[in-house]
N, C-alpha and C. Protein backbone atom coordinates (compact mmCIF):
# COMPACT_ATOMS: atom_id res chain seq x y z
N SER A 1 77.16 111.92 50.40
CA SER A 1 76.38 112.14 49.45
C SER A 1 75.52 110.45 49.44
N ASN A 2 76.12 109.75 48.94
CA ASN A 2 75.98 108.34 48.80
C ASN A 2 75.16 107.73 50.07
N GLY A 3 75.81 108.06 50.86
CA GLY A 3 75.65 107.75 52.41
C GLY A 3 74.29 108.35 52.77
N ALA A 4 73.99 109.48 52.29
CA ALA A 4 72.82 110.32 52.80
C ALA A 4 71.73 109.71 51.94
N MET A 5 71.70 109.57 50.61
CA MET A 5 70.99 108.72 49.79
C MET A 5 70.64 107.14 50.67
N MET A 6 71.46 106.58 50.64
CA MET A 6 71.31 105.01 51.55
C MET A 6 70.66 105.54 52.84
N ALA A 7 70.95 106.41 53.67
CA ALA A 7 70.29 106.72 54.88
C ALA A 7 68.88 106.90 54.61
N TYR A 8 68.64 107.73 53.55
CA TYR A 8 67.15 108.21 53.35
C TYR A 8 66.08 106.53 52.90
N ARG A 9 66.95 105.74 52.21
CA ARG A 9 66.47 104.69 51.92
C ARG A 9 65.90 103.62 53.12
N LEU A 10 67.15 103.57 53.80
CA LEU A 10 66.66 102.90 54.86
C LEU A 10 65.78 103.32 55.83
N ALA A 11 65.83 104.48 55.91
CA ALA A 11 64.36 105.24 56.73
C ALA A 11 63.32 104.74 56.16
N CYS A 12 63.12 104.81 55.12
CA CYS A 12 61.75 104.28 54.31
C CYS A 12 61.40 102.96 54.41
N GLN A 13 62.60 101.97 53.83
CA GLN A 13 62.41 100.23 54.26
C GLN A 13 62.45 99.92 55.65
N LEU A 14 63.50 100.36 56.39
CA LEU A 14 63.61 99.89 57.76
C LEU A 14 63.21 100.57 58.82
N SER A 15 62.36 101.72 58.59
CA SER A 15 61.81 102.24 59.66
C SER A 15 61.42 101.61 60.93
N ASP A 16 60.76 100.66 60.96
CA ASP A 16 60.92 99.70 62.06
C ASP A 16 61.84 99.10 62.86
N LYS A 17 63.35 99.35 62.26
CA LYS A 17 64.71 99.01 62.89
C LYS A 17 65.58 100.02 62.92
N ILE A 18 65.44 101.41 62.38
CA ILE A 18 66.03 102.78 62.57
C ILE A 18 65.11 103.72 63.16
N ALA A 19 66.06 104.28 64.46
CA ALA A 19 64.93 105.32 65.25
C ALA A 19 65.58 106.88 64.66
N ALA A 20 66.71 106.85 64.05
CA ALA A 20 66.67 108.40 63.21
C ALA A 20 68.01 108.02 62.07
N ILE A 21 68.21 109.27 61.13
CA ILE A 21 68.78 109.12 60.29
C ILE A 21 69.61 110.78 60.47
N ALA A 22 70.63 110.83 59.90
CA ALA A 22 71.29 112.34 59.79
C ALA A 22 72.09 112.23 58.48
N PRO A 23 71.49 112.39 57.20
CA PRO A 23 72.02 112.84 55.92
C PRO A 23 72.71 113.93 55.74
N VAL A 24 73.86 113.64 55.15
CA VAL A 24 74.99 115.01 54.99
C VAL A 24 75.09 115.05 53.82
N SER A 25 75.05 116.12 53.11
CA SER A 25 75.13 116.87 51.54
C SER A 25 74.44 115.51 50.47
N GLY A 26 72.91 115.10 50.93
CA GLY A 26 72.66 114.56 50.03
C GLY A 26 70.89 113.98 50.04
N GLN A 27 70.34 113.76 49.35
CA GLN A 27 68.85 113.96 49.35
C GLN A 27 68.25 112.48 49.02
N ARG A 28 66.69 112.41 49.63
CA ARG A 28 66.21 110.97 49.00
C ARG A 28 65.88 111.25 47.28
N VAL A 29 66.27 110.20 46.38
CA VAL A 29 66.56 110.52 45.43
C VAL A 29 65.23 109.52 44.51
N PHE A 30 64.33 109.09 45.27
CA PHE A 30 63.34 107.91 44.94
C PHE A 30 61.73 108.63 45.37
N ASP A 31 60.67 108.51 45.07
CA ASP A 31 59.47 108.54 45.65
C ASP A 31 58.67 107.81 46.27
N ASP A 32 58.90 106.49 46.03
CA ASP A 32 58.21 105.20 46.95
C ASP A 32 58.22 105.57 48.19
N CYS A 33 58.52 106.70 49.32
CA CYS A 33 58.83 106.20 50.39
C CYS A 33 57.47 106.24 51.25
N ARG A 34 57.08 104.69 52.12
CA ARG A 34 56.49 104.61 52.72
C ARG A 34 56.71 103.88 54.29
N PRO A 35 57.20 104.31 54.76
CA PRO A 35 57.82 104.00 56.12
C PRO A 35 56.80 103.23 57.23
N LYS A 36 56.88 102.20 57.77
CA LYS A 36 56.06 101.82 58.72
C LYS A 36 55.81 102.65 59.84
N ARG A 37 56.78 103.90 60.45
CA ARG A 37 56.72 104.62 61.50
C ARG A 37 57.43 105.79 61.19
N PRO A 38 57.41 106.79 61.66
CA PRO A 38 58.18 108.12 61.54
C PRO A 38 59.45 108.11 61.84
N VAL A 39 60.71 108.48 61.08
CA VAL A 39 61.96 108.43 61.79
C VAL A 39 62.63 109.55 62.06
N ALA A 40 63.00 110.22 63.10
CA ALA A 40 63.95 111.32 63.43
C ALA A 40 65.00 111.54 62.25
N VAL A 41 65.09 112.88 61.23
CA VAL A 41 65.54 113.38 60.45
C VAL A 41 66.50 114.67 60.92
N LEU A 42 67.70 114.41 60.82
CA LEU A 42 69.01 115.89 60.65
C LEU A 42 69.35 115.69 59.46
N HIS A 43 69.09 116.57 58.65
CA HIS A 43 69.67 116.92 57.25
C HIS A 43 70.35 117.72 57.30
N ILE A 44 72.14 117.69 57.23
CA ILE A 44 73.02 118.89 57.13
C ILE A 44 73.63 119.08 55.85
N HIS A 45 73.48 120.04 55.48
CA HIS A 45 73.98 120.70 53.84
C HIS A 45 74.51 121.90 53.83
N GLY A 46 75.33 121.63 52.81
CA GLY A 46 76.01 123.32 52.77
C GLY A 46 75.29 123.84 51.50
N THR A 47 75.55 125.25 51.85
CA THR A 47 74.50 126.14 50.61
C THR A 47 75.51 126.02 49.35
N ALA A 48 76.94 126.11 49.37
CA ALA A 48 77.83 126.24 48.44
C ALA A 48 78.01 124.64 47.47
N ASP A 49 77.05 123.77 47.82
CA ASP A 49 77.59 122.06 47.53
C ASP A 49 77.60 122.23 46.19
N PRO A 50 78.66 121.87 45.54
CA PRO A 50 78.22 121.98 43.75
C PRO A 50 77.99 120.44 43.45
N CYS A 51 77.95 119.43 44.55
CA CYS A 51 77.53 118.24 44.09
C CYS A 51 76.18 117.89 44.06
N ALA A 52 75.86 118.06 45.23
CA ALA A 52 74.28 117.66 45.77
C ALA A 52 73.91 119.14 45.89
N LEU A 53 73.47 119.93 44.71
CA LEU A 53 72.99 121.44 44.97
C LEU A 53 71.93 121.82 45.91
N TYR A 54 72.34 122.91 46.81
CA TYR A 54 71.30 122.84 47.81
C TYR A 54 70.32 123.61 47.13
N ASN A 55 70.11 124.47 46.37
CA ASN A 55 69.15 125.15 45.27
C ASN A 55 68.38 124.11 44.42
N GLY A 56 69.14 122.80 44.41
CA GLY A 56 68.32 121.89 43.45
C GLY A 56 68.96 122.20 41.80
N GLY A 57 68.27 121.70 40.85
CA GLY A 57 68.88 121.73 39.57
C GLY A 57 68.93 120.57 38.76
N LYS A 58 69.28 120.76 37.34
CA LYS A 58 69.53 119.24 36.56
C LYS A 58 70.75 118.77 36.74
N ALA A 59 71.57 119.20 37.42
CA ALA A 59 73.05 118.75 37.17
C ALA A 59 73.33 118.40 38.74
N CYS A 60 72.81 117.50 39.59
CA CYS A 60 72.85 116.89 41.17
C CYS A 60 73.97 115.77 40.54
N GLY A 61 74.94 115.58 41.61
CA GLY A 61 76.09 114.46 41.25
C GLY A 61 77.23 114.72 40.43
N GLY A 62 77.48 113.94 39.96
CA GLY A 62 78.78 114.24 38.83
C GLY A 62 80.20 114.88 39.73
N CYS A 63 80.19 114.76 40.89
CA CYS A 63 81.46 115.27 41.27
C CYS A 63 82.40 114.45 40.85
N PHE A 64 82.33 113.08 41.43
CA PHE A 64 83.34 112.06 41.05
C PHE A 64 83.72 111.76 39.83
N SER A 65 83.17 112.02 38.99
CA SER A 65 83.41 111.97 37.59
C SER A 65 84.40 113.20 37.13
N GLN A 66 84.24 114.68 37.87
CA GLN A 66 84.77 116.02 37.85
C GLN A 66 86.27 115.42 38.25
N ILE A 67 86.06 115.13 39.26
CA ILE A 67 87.53 114.98 40.10
C ILE A 67 88.23 114.02 39.29
N PHE A 68 87.85 112.84 38.51
CA PHE A 68 88.68 112.02 37.71
C PHE A 68 88.83 112.30 36.08
N GLY A 69 87.79 113.10 36.00
CA GLY A 69 88.33 114.18 34.71
C GLY A 69 87.21 113.00 33.81
N PHE A 70 86.36 112.55 33.99
CA PHE A 70 85.75 111.48 33.01
C PHE A 70 83.89 111.61 33.49
N HIS A 71 83.50 111.51 31.98
CA HIS A 71 82.02 111.69 32.63
C HIS A 71 81.30 110.20 31.84
N LEU A 72 80.06 109.96 32.92
CA LEU A 72 79.75 108.51 32.50
C LEU A 72 77.82 108.71 32.30
N PRO A 73 77.35 108.20 31.38
CA PRO A 73 76.14 108.24 31.26
C PRO A 73 75.09 108.28 32.70
N GLY A 74 74.33 109.26 32.97
CA GLY A 74 73.50 108.99 34.05
C GLY A 74 74.36 109.41 35.74
N ASP A 75 75.24 110.01 35.40
CA ASP A 75 76.23 110.72 36.63
C ASP A 75 75.67 111.59 37.27
N THR A 76 74.94 112.29 36.41
CA THR A 76 73.93 113.57 37.00
C THR A 76 72.47 113.34 36.93
N TRP A 77 71.74 113.88 37.67
CA TRP A 77 70.26 113.82 37.74
C TRP A 77 69.56 115.08 38.22
N ALA A 78 68.57 115.58 38.25
CA ALA A 78 67.67 116.32 38.80
C ALA A 78 67.53 116.06 39.65
N CYS A 79 67.68 117.34 40.88
CA CYS A 79 67.23 117.13 42.11
C CYS A 79 66.40 118.35 42.62
N ALA A 80 65.62 118.08 43.93
CA ALA A 80 64.83 119.52 44.16
C ALA A 80 65.57 120.22 45.16
N PRO A 81 65.78 121.24 45.38
CA PRO A 81 66.22 122.14 46.39
C PRO A 81 66.00 121.40 47.96
N VAL A 82 67.07 121.72 48.27
CA VAL A 82 67.62 120.64 49.90
C VAL A 82 66.29 121.31 50.65
N PRO A 83 65.90 122.48 50.89
CA PRO A 83 64.67 123.12 51.75
C PRO A 83 63.33 122.30 51.48
N ASP A 84 63.07 121.97 50.16
CA ASP A 84 61.84 121.43 49.68
C ASP A 84 61.91 119.86 49.76
N ALA A 85 63.16 119.32 49.60
CA ALA A 85 63.26 117.84 49.74
C ALA A 85 63.12 117.89 51.37
N VAL A 86 63.19 118.45 52.41
CA VAL A 86 63.47 118.14 53.56
C VAL A 86 61.88 118.25 54.02
N ARG A 87 61.30 119.55 53.65
CA ARG A 87 59.89 119.83 53.93
C ARG A 87 59.13 118.26 53.16
N ALA A 88 59.51 117.56 52.28
CA ALA A 88 59.04 116.37 51.96
C ALA A 88 59.07 115.33 53.18
N GLU A 89 60.05 115.12 53.47
CA GLU A 89 60.66 114.48 54.84
C GLU A 89 59.52 114.66 56.16
N ALA A 90 59.31 115.84 56.39
CA ALA A 90 58.26 116.46 57.38
C ALA A 90 56.92 116.08 57.31
N GLN A 91 56.63 115.90 55.95
CA GLN A 91 55.50 115.71 55.27
C GLN A 91 55.08 114.41 55.63
N ILE A 92 56.01 113.38 55.35
CA ILE A 92 55.79 111.82 55.72
C ILE A 92 55.91 111.50 56.89
N ASN A 93 56.80 112.26 57.93
CA ASN A 93 56.52 112.17 59.16
C ASN A 93 55.20 112.75 59.87
N GLY A 94 54.47 113.75 59.15
CA GLY A 94 53.10 113.77 59.90
C GLY A 94 53.42 115.45 60.79
N CYS A 95 54.49 115.97 60.47
CA CYS A 95 54.83 117.18 61.19
C CYS A 95 53.89 118.61 60.38
N ALA A 96 53.85 119.39 61.17
CA ALA A 96 53.35 120.67 60.34
C ALA A 96 54.34 121.44 59.60
N MET A 97 53.98 122.39 58.93
CA MET A 97 55.00 122.91 57.98
C MET A 97 55.49 124.39 58.55
N LYS A 98 55.17 124.56 59.81
CA LYS A 98 56.03 125.58 60.17
C LYS A 98 57.45 125.20 60.90
N THR A 99 58.33 125.88 61.02
CA THR A 99 59.71 125.54 61.20
C THR A 99 60.23 126.98 62.39
N ARG A 100 61.06 126.18 63.27
CA ARG A 100 61.30 127.37 63.97
C ARG A 100 63.14 126.78 64.24
N VAL A 101 63.90 128.26 64.58
CA VAL A 101 65.32 128.00 64.47
C VAL A 101 65.81 127.34 65.99
N VAL A 102 66.74 126.42 65.87
CA VAL A 102 66.89 125.51 67.34
C VAL A 102 68.25 125.17 67.31
N PHE A 103 69.00 125.93 66.42
CA PHE A 103 70.53 126.31 66.58
C PHE A 103 70.99 127.03 65.69
N ALA A 104 71.84 127.98 65.96
CA ALA A 104 72.68 128.91 65.27
C ALA A 104 73.52 129.58 65.72
N LYS A 105 75.09 128.92 65.10
CA LYS A 105 76.40 129.32 65.43
C LYS A 105 77.06 129.50 63.94
N GLY A 106 77.67 130.55 64.10
CA GLY A 106 78.69 131.18 62.82
C GLY A 106 77.84 130.98 61.23
N ALA A 107 78.36 130.04 60.52
CA ALA A 107 77.64 129.47 59.44
C ALA A 107 76.54 128.70 59.45
N VAL A 108 76.41 128.14 60.34
CA VAL A 108 75.33 127.02 60.73
C VAL A 108 73.62 127.58 61.08
N THR A 109 72.76 127.28 60.54
CA THR A 109 71.40 127.42 61.19
C THR A 109 70.71 126.22 61.00
N CYS A 110 70.09 125.76 61.78
CA CYS A 110 69.08 124.81 62.14
C CYS A 110 67.74 125.04 62.32
N VAL A 111 66.89 124.56 61.28
CA VAL A 111 65.43 124.64 61.83
C VAL A 111 64.70 123.02 62.12
N ARG A 112 63.69 123.26 62.69
CA ARG A 112 63.15 122.19 62.95
C ARG A 112 61.72 122.34 62.48
N TYR A 113 61.13 121.42 61.89
CA TYR A 113 59.48 121.52 61.87
C TYR A 113 58.75 121.22 63.15
N GLU A 114 57.91 122.15 63.50
CA GLU A 114 57.17 121.77 64.50
C GLU A 114 56.03 120.88 64.18
N GLY A 115 55.41 120.40 65.42
CA GLY A 115 54.35 119.35 65.51
C GLY A 115 54.47 118.18 65.10
N CYS A 116 55.74 117.62 65.02
CA CYS A 116 56.22 116.31 64.57
C CYS A 116 56.12 115.31 65.43
N PRO A 117 55.90 114.03 65.25
CA PRO A 117 55.54 112.85 66.42
C PRO A 117 56.99 112.94 67.31
N ALA A 118 56.44 112.92 68.79
CA ALA A 118 57.78 113.11 69.78
C ALA A 118 58.74 112.60 69.32
N ASN A 119 59.10 111.36 68.86
CA ASN A 119 60.30 110.73 69.13
C ASN A 119 60.75 110.70 67.25
N ALA A 120 60.25 111.59 66.42
CA ALA A 120 60.42 111.96 65.34
C ALA A 120 60.33 113.26 64.55
N PRO A 121 61.61 114.10 65.17
CA PRO A 121 61.46 115.20 64.64
C PRO A 121 62.20 115.31 63.44
N VAL A 122 62.00 116.74 62.59
CA VAL A 122 62.54 116.83 61.09
C VAL A 122 63.20 118.13 61.19
N GLU A 123 64.74 118.10 60.96
CA GLU A 123 65.48 119.13 61.25
C GLU A 123 66.44 119.90 59.94
N LEU A 124 66.48 120.74 59.54
CA LEU A 124 67.54 121.05 58.16
C LEU A 124 68.38 121.98 59.01
N CYS A 125 70.03 121.39 58.96
CA CYS A 125 71.00 122.53 59.26
C CYS A 125 71.29 122.88 58.12
N SER A 126 71.55 124.14 57.60
CA SER A 126 72.28 124.95 56.29
C SER A 126 73.37 125.37 56.93
N ILE A 127 74.48 124.92 55.93
CA ILE A 127 75.77 125.64 56.13
C ILE A 127 76.33 126.55 55.23
N LYS A 128 76.02 128.00 55.93
CA LYS A 128 76.23 128.97 54.44
C LYS A 128 77.53 128.73 54.23
N GLY A 129 77.92 128.51 52.55
CA GLY A 129 79.18 128.90 52.20
C GLY A 129 80.07 127.33 51.98
N GLU A 130 79.35 126.46 52.93
CA GLU A 130 80.26 125.19 52.53
C GLU A 130 79.74 124.49 51.44
N GLY A 131 80.62 123.73 51.01
CA GLY A 131 80.77 122.48 49.95
C GLY A 131 79.89 121.43 49.97
N HIS A 132 80.56 120.45 49.37
CA HIS A 132 80.33 119.11 49.75
C HIS A 132 81.04 118.43 50.39
N ARG A 133 81.47 118.75 51.66
CA ARG A 133 82.30 118.12 52.77
C ARG A 133 81.42 117.97 54.02
N TRP A 134 82.33 117.20 54.86
CA TRP A 134 81.94 116.84 56.19
C TRP A 134 82.07 117.78 56.99
N PRO A 135 80.86 118.34 57.88
CA PRO A 135 81.07 119.58 58.59
C PRO A 135 82.13 119.38 59.79
N GLY A 136 82.93 120.23 59.73
CA GLY A 136 83.93 120.47 60.60
C GLY A 136 85.34 119.96 60.23
N ALA A 137 85.37 119.10 59.20
CA ALA A 137 86.25 118.26 58.79
C ALA A 137 87.43 119.18 58.30
N THR A 138 88.66 118.91 58.59
CA THR A 138 90.03 119.72 57.90
C THR A 138 90.61 119.13 57.12
N ASP A 139 90.14 117.98 56.60
CA ASP A 139 90.72 117.20 55.70
C ASP A 139 90.62 118.00 54.05
N THR A 140 92.23 117.49 53.35
CA THR A 140 91.60 118.09 51.83
C THR A 140 91.59 117.18 51.21
N GLY A 141 91.01 116.30 51.56
CA GLY A 141 91.18 115.21 50.17
C GLY A 141 90.70 113.53 50.70
N PRO A 142 91.11 112.86 49.76
CA PRO A 142 91.28 111.57 50.28
C PRO A 142 92.81 111.06 51.01
N PRO A 143 92.72 110.17 51.87
CA PRO A 143 94.08 110.03 52.53
C PRO A 143 95.39 110.12 52.00
N ALA A 144 95.42 109.92 50.78
CA ALA A 144 96.79 109.70 49.91
C ALA A 144 97.23 111.34 49.71
N CYS A 145 96.03 112.24 49.59
CA CYS A 145 96.42 113.60 49.60
C CYS A 145 97.10 114.33 50.90
N LYS A 146 96.95 113.65 51.92
CA LYS A 146 97.72 114.14 53.57
C LYS A 146 99.30 113.93 53.33
N THR A 147 99.71 113.10 52.41
CA THR A 147 101.19 112.56 52.10
C THR A 147 101.60 113.38 51.05
N HIS A 148 100.57 113.42 49.78
CA HIS A 148 100.98 114.09 48.56
C HIS A 148 100.13 115.05 48.09
N PRO A 149 99.93 116.11 48.97
CA PRO A 149 98.92 117.09 48.39
C PRO A 149 99.39 117.68 47.21
N ASP A 150 100.35 117.77 46.87
CA ASP A 150 100.66 118.36 45.42
C ASP A 150 100.17 117.52 44.16
N ARG A 151 99.62 116.54 44.19
CA ARG A 151 99.03 115.84 43.08
C ARG A 151 98.07 116.26 42.71
N ARG A 152 97.80 116.29 41.38
CA ARG A 152 96.67 116.98 40.96
C ARG A 152 95.21 116.36 41.48
N ILE A 153 95.37 115.41 41.53
CA ILE A 153 93.86 114.51 42.21
C ILE A 153 93.49 115.44 43.27
N CYS A 154 94.50 116.04 44.00
CA CYS A 154 94.30 116.50 45.25
C CYS A 154 93.99 117.80 45.11
N SER A 155 94.37 118.71 44.55
CA SER A 155 94.08 119.67 43.84
C SER A 155 92.44 119.87 43.35
N ARG A 156 92.47 119.14 42.35
CA ARG A 156 91.14 119.21 41.80
C ARG A 156 90.07 118.55 42.87
N TYR A 157 90.10 117.63 43.92
CA TYR A 157 89.47 117.26 45.03
C TYR A 157 89.04 118.84 45.84
N ALA A 158 89.83 119.39 46.16
CA ALA A 158 89.81 120.66 46.91
C ALA A 158 88.71 121.90 46.08
N GLU A 159 88.96 122.01 44.91
CA GLU A 159 88.46 122.73 43.77
C GLU A 159 87.29 122.19 43.51
N ILE A 160 86.77 121.09 43.41
CA ILE A 160 85.48 120.58 43.30
C ILE A 160 84.44 120.66 44.03
N VAL A 161 84.94 120.04 45.38
CA VAL A 161 83.86 119.90 46.22
C VAL A 161 83.72 120.95 46.99
N GLY A 162 84.86 122.28 47.02
CA GLY A 162 84.42 123.44 47.54
C GLY A 162 84.85 123.65 48.99
N PRO A 163 84.43 124.97 50.03
CA PRO A 163 84.88 125.11 51.30
C PRO A 163 84.45 124.35 52.11
N ALA A 164 85.23 124.30 53.15
CA ALA A 164 84.57 123.83 54.59
C ALA A 164 84.29 124.52 55.35
N SER A 165 83.55 124.31 56.45
CA SER A 165 83.34 125.27 57.52
C SER A 165 83.73 124.49 58.90
N GLY A 166 84.04 125.12 59.96
CA GLY A 166 84.32 124.40 60.98
C GLY A 166 83.92 124.83 62.21
N ASP A 167 82.14 125.49 61.92
CA ASP A 167 81.86 125.82 62.67
C ASP A 167 80.72 124.93 63.83
N ILE A 168 80.83 123.83 62.99
CA ILE A 168 80.30 122.68 64.19
C ILE A 168 80.93 121.42 63.78
N ASP A 169 80.99 120.60 64.53
CA ASP A 169 81.83 119.26 64.23
C ASP A 169 80.72 118.21 64.02
N GLY A 170 80.78 117.86 62.92
CA GLY A 170 79.36 117.09 62.31
C GLY A 170 79.31 115.92 63.26
N SER A 171 80.11 114.93 63.34
CA SER A 171 80.19 113.82 63.95
C SER A 171 79.62 113.97 65.58
N ALA A 172 80.17 115.02 66.11
CA ALA A 172 79.59 115.18 68.07
C ALA A 172 78.11 115.83 67.16
N PHE A 173 77.93 116.59 66.75
CA PHE A 173 76.68 117.11 66.41
C PHE A 173 75.45 115.90 66.03
N ILE A 174 75.79 115.29 64.86
CA ILE A 174 75.15 113.95 65.05
C ILE A 174 74.96 113.15 65.93
N TRP A 175 75.86 112.82 66.76
CA TRP A 175 75.98 111.91 67.75
C TRP A 175 74.72 112.51 68.85
N ASP A 176 75.07 114.07 69.25
CA ASP A 176 74.28 114.55 70.15
C ASP A 176 72.54 114.46 69.71
N PHE A 177 72.40 114.51 68.32
CA PHE A 177 71.04 114.25 68.25
C PHE A 177 70.75 112.63 68.26
N PHE A 178 71.42 111.90 67.81
CA PHE A 178 70.97 110.39 67.71
C PHE A 178 70.82 109.79 69.25
N ARG A 179 71.47 110.47 70.15
CA ARG A 179 71.34 109.87 71.49
C ARG A 179 69.86 110.15 72.01
N HIS A 180 69.41 111.04 71.51
CA HIS A 180 67.83 111.17 71.73
C HIS A 180 66.68 110.70 71.66
N TYR A 181 66.85 109.55 70.30
CA TYR A 181 65.96 108.75 69.78
C TYR A 181 66.24 107.30 69.74
N HIS A 182 64.88 106.80 70.09
CA HIS A 182 65.20 105.14 70.32
C HIS A 182 63.88 104.78 69.60
N LEU A 183 63.94 103.61 69.46
CA LEU A 183 62.86 102.77 68.78
C LEU A 183 62.02 102.25 69.85
N PRO A 184 60.56 102.54 69.28
CA PRO A 184 59.43 102.35 70.39
C PRO A 184 59.62 100.88 71.21
């Protein structure tokens, strides 16, 4: 999620150096996006994400605090529903506001905005029932949880971030998207 927010920031501020981004489980949390050129976007998000709420809300973020059992001021914030946030990216890129399904497999459905610049499409891949996870990951948390899965923090991690989906390999899916886009 933090990587997703960083990807959106880089696409806004370094659009002349970045051809495409693929944010996973996070969205742009700032309003001052004025890229020099459109950047291709593949946004992947689980509909059951309790950390970066798919349907938006007043309490996005905060999972790290929940896992470790403490809260800090400002560790949650209001966020828009993911489809609305991705629509805003499509508007920035100059796309039409109509979408069409470009991929569907199991719990995964991807829609692409029509009328985008040739080298800068905007897609949203929603994964029904997936939590705050990397698509296709089979891990159960931090590396220490592989050797000590019975530790309290490992069970808290799995409980808080929610379920995973194996319907796509996120890394391969993202690479397949990236390989089509290059800087002018």
